[in-house]
């Protein structure tokens, strides 16, 4: 049985429905990302999990215990969940140790037991040497680790993270991603991580729930999401790729190279169908489909190009060599995925 079960969750603010019939079963100990554009409802969903917002419809259960729904609302402090906020939410008048141990003090933990639990949590995030430091004297990454240690000390069943890397620079973000992975391995808790950054979600999560306008578009592993998106919206949102329209004459979802080349070179068939071509599946060859280069972006180890097909559609591809704009080259498409809208 899944540890965390959301069944047809709904939430509205006034006449605006923010979360709509959202259902999900999250396995115990997994790392889940709620991914979607700003305003899609992911933070509202996280706040309903935490108990900061009441659900209008549906139920929330953890380990078979109902937390919300059917006129029931268990308060946040009774859910055994911890939340890491984007703003860290550290007490400025407390040092690192007191911030981390605040929840223990509320439970009446004192003395040696208090000290050991707090120091163990700080050692987990490599901050035990800064136990006496004030939050304002820490870097952004260190403050984020203090917030993680505060989560760890209460031994939660579920850790909720609301865009925790949004305020960090790119170098710190990469470092903190590894901290989150290690933190998850050590705790064994279920993680629910809200982000609009697909690279973060892909790097961290076991499974990703892609949200759009309060609804669940697709629930899958990062690999499945990237390779086999359910529809055009997910295909545009996840990764890079070209969505082309062809006259389809096959029932296969995954098209081989020869099938794609035939569809792109032919006007046969009566059904107009969208297909997704990832740029890494396009190769420059001597003989193939002729395209005209429109734009070029240097990516370090390679260039990313956008080119025009003979029918006016545009195709993205990678190539290690510099090609001149407006030049014509031949390409071979190795595979494509048929999108079902």
Foldseek 3Di string as FASTA:
>chain_A
DAQKWWAQWWDDDVPATQAGGATDGHHFLFAEEAAEDPSLNQVVVLCCLQQVDATPATWIHGNNRTQHHPPHHNHNVPQLEAEQEQVLPFDQVAFLLCRLLVVVVVVVDDDPVSVVLSLVLCVLLPRNVRRRPGLVPDDLLVSSSSSLSSSPSSLGQEYEYEPNCPPDDPVSVVVVLVSVQSSSVVSSHYYYYYDNDQVSRLSRGQWYFYGGNNYTQDIGGSVCLQAAPAADVSPVSHADWFKDKFQDDDPDQKFFQVRVQPRLVDNDHDDIFIKIAHQAQKAFDQDAFKWFWADWDDDPQWIWTWTAGPVGGIGIHIDRDDDDHRDMTHMTGGMIGTHDD
